[in-house]
Amino acid sequence: MDKYVCDICGYVYDPEAGDPDNGVSPGTAFADLPADWVCPVCGASKDDFSKED
Protein backbone atom coordinates (compact mmCIF):
# COMPACT_ATOMS: atom_id res chain seq x y z
CA MET A 1 0.00 0.00 0.00
CA ASP A 2 1.15 3.50 -0.82
CA LYS A 3 2.25 6.03 1.76
CA TYR A 4 0.94 9.59 1.60
CA VAL A 5 2.69 12.73 2.83
CA CYS A 6 1.08 15.89 4.17
CA ASP A 7 1.97 18.77 1.86
CA ILE A 8 1.78 21.20 4.79
CA CYS A 9 3.82 19.61 7.59
CA GLY A 10 5.49 16.54 6.08
CA TYR A 11 3.67 13.92 8.20
CA VAL A 12 3.70 10.56 6.41
CA TYR A 13 0.59 8.39 6.63
CA ASP A 14 1.78 4.78 6.57
CA PRO A 15 -1.13 2.38 5.98
CA GLU A 16 0.77 -0.45 7.66
CA ALA A 17 0.81 1.57 10.89
CA GLY A 18 -2.56 3.32 10.48
CA ASP A 19 -3.38 6.11 12.92
CA PRO A 20 -4.50 4.24 16.05
CA ASP A 21 -4.53 7.39 18.20
CA ASN A 22 -7.35 8.65 15.96
CA GLY A 23 -9.25 5.39 15.50
CA VAL A 24 -7.64 4.20 12.26
CA SER A 25 -6.58 0.56 12.40
CA PRO A 26 -3.27 -0.64 10.96
CA GLY A 27 -3.78 -1.89 7.41
CA THR A 28 -6.16 0.94 6.44
CA ALA A 29 -5.39 2.27 2.97
CA PHE A 30 -5.31 6.06 2.55
CA ALA A 31 -8.30 5.88 0.19
CA ASP A 32 -10.27 4.08 2.92
CA LEU A 33 -9.71 6.75 5.56
CA PRO A 34 -12.91 8.52 6.66
CA ALA A 35 -13.67 11.71 4.70
CA ASP A 36 -13.34 13.76 7.89
CA TRP A 37 -9.91 12.32 8.85
CA VAL A 38 -7.27 15.02 9.28
CA CYS A 39 -3.50 15.06 9.66
CA PRO A 40 -2.74 14.18 13.29
CA VAL A 41 0.11 16.71 13.35
CA CYS A 42 -1.30 19.85 11.73
CA GLY A 43 -5.00 19.16 11.11
CA ALA A 44 -4.80 19.32 7.30
CA SER A 45 -7.51 17.55 5.31
CA LYS A 46 -6.98 14.49 3.08
CA ASP A 47 -6.92 16.88 0.10
CA ASP A 48 -3.62 18.27 1.43
CA PHE A 49 -1.85 14.90 1.07
CA SER A 50 0.17 13.63 -1.89
CA LYS A 51 1.26 10.11 -2.77
CA GLU A 52 4.84 9.55 -1.63
CA ASP A 53 7.29 8.82 -4.46
PDB file of N, CA and C in Angstrom:
ATOM      1  N   MET A   1       0.846  -1.199   0.000  1.00  0.00           N
ATOM      2  CA  MET A   1       0.000   0.000   0.000  1.00  0.00           C
ATOM      3  C   MET A   1       0.877   1.243   0.000  1.00  0.00           C
ATOM      4  N   ASP A   2       0.380   2.257  -0.667  1.00  0.00           N
ATOM      5  CA  ASP A   2       1.149   3.495  -0.820  1.00  0.00           C
ATOM      6  C   ASP A   2       1.083   4.357   0.436  1.00  0.00           C
ATOM      7  N   LYS A   3       2.197   5.046   0.693  1.00  0.00           N
ATOM      8  CA  LYS A   3       2.250   6.029   1.762  1.00  0.00           C
ATOM      9  C   LYS A   3       1.885   7.387   1.183  1.00  0.00           C
ATOM     10  N   TYR A   4       1.313   8.234   2.027  1.00  0.00           N
ATOM     11  CA  TYR A   4       0.943   9.587   1.605  1.00  0.00           C
ATOM     12  C   TYR A   4       1.562  10.584   2.571  1.00  0.00           C
ATOM     13  N   VAL A   5       2.023  11.713   2.027  1.00  0.00           N
ATOM     14  CA  VAL A   5       2.694  12.728   2.832  1.00  0.00           C
ATOM     15  C   VAL A   5       1.866  14.011   2.843  1.00  0.00           C
ATOM     16  N   CYS A   6       1.793  14.624   4.016  1.00  0.00           N
ATOM     17  CA  CYS A   6       1.081  15.890   4.169  1.00  0.00           C
ATOM     18  C   CYS A   6       1.898  16.991   3.517  1.00  0.00           C
ATOM     19  N   ASP A   7       1.271  17.711   2.572  1.00  0.00           N
ATOM     20  CA  ASP A   7       1.971  18.775   1.859  1.00  0.00           C
ATOM     21  C   ASP A   7       2.288  19.969   2.765  1.00  0.00           C
ATOM     22  N   ILE A   8       1.615  20.060   3.896  1.00  0.00           N
ATOM     23  CA  ILE A   8       1.784  21.200   4.789  1.00  0.00           C
ATOM     24  C   ILE A   8       2.891  20.970   5.814  1.00  0.00           C
ATOM     25  N   CYS A   9       2.852  19.805   6.498  1.00  0.00           N
ATOM     26  CA  CYS A   9       3.822  19.607   7.588  1.00  0.00           C
ATOM     27  C   CYS A   9       4.804  18.463   7.371  1.00  0.00           C
ATOM     28  N   GLY A  10       4.556  17.625   6.356  1.00  0.00           N
ATOM     29  CA  GLY A  10       5.486  16.539   6.082  1.00  0.00           C
ATOM     30  C   GLY A  10       5.172  15.228   6.774  1.00  0.00           C
ATOM     31  N   TYR A  11       4.078  15.181   7.561  1.00  0.00           N
ATOM     32  CA  TYR A  11       3.674  13.921   8.200  1.00  0.00           C
ATOM     33  C   TYR A  11       3.421  12.867   7.126  1.00  0.00           C
ATOM     34  N   VAL A  12       3.909  11.651   7.362  1.00  0.00           N
ATOM     35  CA  VAL A  12       3.697  10.564   6.407  1.00  0.00           C
ATOM     36  C   VAL A  12       2.676   9.590   6.979  1.00  0.00           C
ATOM     37  N   TYR A  13       1.571   9.398   6.242  1.00  0.00           N
ATOM     38  CA  TYR A  13       0.591   8.386   6.626  1.00  0.00           C
ATOM     39  C   TYR A  13       1.054   7.059   6.051  1.00  0.00           C
ATOM     40  N   ASP A  14       1.335   6.115   6.947  1.00  0.00           N
ATOM     41  CA  ASP A  14       1.776   4.777   6.570  1.00  0.00           C
ATOM     42  C   ASP A  14       0.620   3.820   6.832  1.00  0.00           C
ATOM     43  N   PRO A  15       0.019   3.252   5.772  1.00  0.00           N
ATOM     44  CA  PRO A  15      -1.133   2.383   5.982  1.00  0.00           C
ATOM     45  C   PRO A  15      -0.829   1.146   6.816  1.00  0.00           C
ATOM     46  N   GLU A  16       0.422   0.702   6.834  1.00  0.00           N
ATOM     47  CA  GLU A  16       0.773  -0.454   7.663  1.00  0.00           C
ATOM     48  C   GLU A  16       0.656  -0.122   9.143  1.00  0.00           C
ATOM     49  N   ALA A  17       0.891   1.135   9.502  1.00  0.00           N
ATOM     50  CA  ALA A  17       0.806   1.568  10.891  1.00  0.00           C
ATOM     51  C   ALA A  17      -0.580   2.114  11.229  1.00  0.00           C
ATOM     52  N   GLY A  18      -1.270   2.673  10.226  1.00  0.00           N
ATOM     53  CA  GLY A  18      -2.559   3.318  10.476  1.00  0.00           C
ATOM     54  C   GLY A  18      -2.370   4.577  11.311  1.00  0.00           C
ATOM     55  N   ASP A  19      -3.413   4.946  12.016  1.00  0.00           N
ATOM     56  CA  ASP A  19      -3.382   6.106  12.921  1.00  0.00           C
ATOM     57  C   ASP A  19      -4.210   5.732  14.143  1.00  0.00           C
ATOM     58  N   PRO A  20      -3.711   4.772  14.938  1.00  0.00           N
ATOM     59  CA  PRO A  20      -4.503   4.239  16.052  1.00  0.00           C
ATOM     60  C   PRO A  20      -4.926   5.279  17.083  1.00  0.00           C
ATOM     61  N   ASP A  21      -4.151   6.349  17.234  1.00  0.00           N
ATOM     62  CA  ASP A  21      -4.526   7.394  18.197  1.00  0.00           C
ATOM     63  C   ASP A  21      -5.815   8.101  17.772  1.00  0.00           C
ATOM     64  N   ASN A  22      -6.154   7.996  16.479  1.00  0.00           N
ATOM     65  CA  ASN A  22      -7.346   8.648  15.957  1.00  0.00           C
ATOM     66  C   ASN A  22      -8.348   7.639  15.378  1.00  0.00           C
ATOM     67  N   GLY A  23      -8.266   6.395  15.857  1.00  0.00           N
ATOM     68  CA  GLY A  23      -9.253   5.385  15.504  1.00  0.00           C
ATOM     69  C   GLY A  23      -9.078   4.724  14.152  1.00  0.00           C
ATOM     70  N   VAL A  24      -7.889   4.834  13.559  1.00  0.00           N
ATOM     71  CA  VAL A  24      -7.640   4.202  12.264  1.00  0.00           C
ATOM     72  C   VAL A  24      -6.747   2.978  12.477  1.00  0.00           C
ATOM     73  N   SER A  25      -7.294   1.816  12.181  1.00  0.00           N
ATOM     74  CA  SER A  25      -6.576   0.564  12.405  1.00  0.00           C
ATOM     75  C   SER A  25      -5.414   0.384  11.434  1.00  0.00           C
ATOM     76  N   PRO A  26      -4.346  -0.285  11.885  1.00  0.00           N
ATOM     77  CA  PRO A  26      -3.265  -0.636  10.960  1.00  0.00           C
ATOM     78  C   PRO A  26      -3.839  -1.432   9.787  1.00  0.00           C
ATOM     79  N   GLY A  27      -3.294  -1.209   8.604  1.00  0.00           N
ATOM     80  CA  GLY A  27      -3.778  -1.892   7.414  1.00  0.00           C
ATOM     81  C   GLY A  27      -4.836  -1.116   6.653  1.00  0.00           C
ATOM     82  N   THR A  28      -5.156   0.106   7.109  1.00  0.00           N
ATOM     83  CA  THR A  28      -6.162   0.936   6.439  1.00  0.00           C
ATOM     84  C   THR A  28      -5.506   1.761   5.334  1.00  0.00           C
ATOM     85  N   ALA A  29      -5.927   1.523   4.101  1.00  0.00           N
ATOM     86  CA  ALA A  29      -5.393   2.272   2.965  1.00  0.00           C
ATOM     87  C   ALA A  29      -5.812   3.737   3.075  1.00  0.00           C
ATOM     88  N   PHE A  30      -4.998   4.624   2.509  1.00  0.00           N
ATOM     89  CA  PHE A  30      -5.311   6.058   2.555  1.00  0.00           C
ATOM     90  C   PHE A  30      -6.690   6.328   1.958  1.00  0.00           C
ATOM     91  N   ALA A  31      -7.009   5.673   0.855  1.00  0.00           N
ATOM     92  CA  ALA A  31      -8.301   5.877   0.188  1.00  0.00           C
ATOM     93  C   ALA A  31      -9.475   5.460   1.072  1.00  0.00           C
ATOM     94  N   ASP A  32      -9.206   4.577   2.033  1.00  0.00           N
ATOM     95  CA  ASP A  32     -10.267   4.083   2.916  1.00  0.00           C
ATOM     96  C   ASP A  32     -10.410   4.878   4.206  1.00  0.00           C
ATOM     97  N   LEU A  33      -9.573   5.906   4.377  1.00  0.00           N
ATOM     98  CA  LEU A  33      -9.710   6.755   5.560  1.00  0.00           C
ATOM     99  C   LEU A  33     -11.042   7.493   5.507  1.00  0.00           C
ATOM    100  N   PRO A  34     -11.657   7.757   6.664  1.00  0.00           N
ATOM    101  CA  PRO A  34     -12.909   8.521   6.657  1.00  0.00           C
ATOM    102  C   PRO A  34     -12.704   9.893   6.013  1.00  0.00           C
ATOM    103  N   ALA A  35     -13.750  10.413   5.387  1.00  0.00           N
ATOM    104  CA  ALA A  35     -13.669  11.706   4.700  1.00  0.00           C
ATOM    105  C   ALA A  35     -13.283  12.833   5.645  1.00  0.00           C
ATOM    106  N   ASP A  36     -13.629  12.690   6.932  1.00  0.00           N
ATOM    107  CA  ASP A  36     -13.336  13.760   7.890  1.00  0.00           C
ATOM    108  C   ASP A  36     -12.011  13.548   8.627  1.00  0.00           C
ATOM    109  N   TRP A  37     -11.224  12.544   8.222  1.00  0.00           N
ATOM    110  CA  TRP A  37      -9.913  12.319   8.847  1.00  0.00           C
ATOM    111  C   TRP A  37      -9.016  13.501   8.515  1.00  0.00           C
ATOM    112  N   VAL A  38      -8.212  13.924   9.490  1.00  0.00           N
ATOM    113  CA  VAL A  38      -7.266  15.024   9.279  1.00  0.00           C
ATOM    114  C   VAL A  38      -5.881  14.603   9.745  1.00  0.00           C
ATOM    115  N   CYS A  39      -4.883  15.304   9.257  1.00  0.00           N
ATOM    116  CA  CYS A  39      -3.502  15.055   9.661  1.00  0.00           C
ATOM    117  C   CYS A  39      -3.396  15.159  11.173  1.00  0.00           C
ATOM    118  N   PRO A  40      -2.845  14.133  11.828  1.00  0.00           N
ATOM    119  CA  PRO A  40      -2.744  14.179  13.289  1.00  0.00           C
ATOM    120  C   PRO A  40      -1.730  15.196  13.804  1.00  0.00           C
ATOM    121  N   VAL A  41      -0.895  15.733  12.932  1.00  0.00           N
ATOM    122  CA  VAL A  41       0.108  16.707  13.347  1.00  0.00           C
ATOM    123  C   VAL A  41      -0.402  18.140  13.184  1.00  0.00           C
ATOM    124  N   CYS A  42      -0.941  18.447  11.987  1.00  0.00           N
ATOM    125  CA  CYS A  42      -1.296  19.848  11.728  1.00  0.00           C
ATOM    126  C   CYS A  42      -2.782  20.076  11.443  1.00  0.00           C
ATOM    127  N   GLY A  43      -3.568  19.001  11.326  1.00  0.00           N
ATOM    128  CA  GLY A  43      -5.000  19.158  11.105  1.00  0.00           C
ATOM    129  C   GLY A  43      -5.406  19.364   9.657  1.00  0.00           C
ATOM    130  N   ALA A  44      -4.475  19.160   8.716  1.00  0.00           N
ATOM    131  CA  ALA A  44      -4.798  19.322   7.300  1.00  0.00           C
ATOM    132  C   ALA A  44      -5.758  18.224   6.844  1.00  0.00           C
ATOM    133  N   SER A  45      -6.556  18.525   5.826  1.00  0.00           N
ATOM    134  CA  SER A  45      -7.506  17.546   5.315  1.00  0.00           C
ATOM    135  C   SER A  45      -6.812  16.560   4.377  1.00  0.00           C
ATOM    136  N   LYS A  46      -7.527  15.493   4.007  1.00  0.00           N
ATOM    137  CA  LYS A  46      -6.981  14.494   3.080  1.00  0.00           C
ATOM    138  C   LYS A  46      -6.572  15.119   1.758  1.00  0.00           C
ATOM    139  N   ASP A  47      -7.237  16.207   1.372  1.00  0.00           N
ATOM    140  CA  ASP A  47      -6.917  16.878   0.103  1.00  0.00           C
ATOM    141  C   ASP A  47      -5.519  17.485   0.111  1.00  0.00           C
ATOM    142  N   ASP A  48      -4.951  17.669   1.295  1.00  0.00           N
ATOM    143  CA  ASP A  48      -3.619  18.269   1.426  1.00  0.00           C
ATOM    144  C   ASP A  48      -2.508  17.214   1.464  1.00  0.00           C
ATOM    145  N   PHE A  49      -2.832  15.985   1.092  1.00  0.00           N
ATOM    146  CA  PHE A  49      -1.850  14.904   1.071  1.00  0.00           C
ATOM    147  C   PHE A  49      -1.526  14.521  -0.365  1.00  0.00           C
ATOM    148  N   SER A  50      -0.280  14.104  -0.592  1.00  0.00           N
ATOM    149  CA  SER A  50       0.165  13.633  -1.891  1.00  0.00           C
ATOM    150  C   SER A  50       0.795  12.258  -1.736  1.00  0.00           C
ATOM    151  N   LYS A  51       0.650  11.445  -2.778  1.00  0.00           N
ATOM    152  CA  LYS A  51       1.262  10.114  -2.772  1.00  0.00           C
ATOM    153  C   LYS A  51       2.768  10.260  -2.696  1.00  0.00           C
ATOM    154  N   GLU A  52       3.382   9.490  -1.792  1.00  0.00           N
ATOM    155  CA  GLU A  52       4.843   9.546  -1.634  1.00  0.00           C
ATOM    156  C   GLU A  52       5.502   8.832  -2.800  1.00  0.00           C
ATOM    157  N   ASP A  53       6.557   9.428  -3.341  1.00  0.00           N
ATOM    158  CA  ASP A  53       7.285   8.822  -4.463  1.00  0.00           C
ATOM    159  C   ASP A  53       8.180   7.707  -4.005  1.00  0.00           C
TER     160      ASP A  53
END
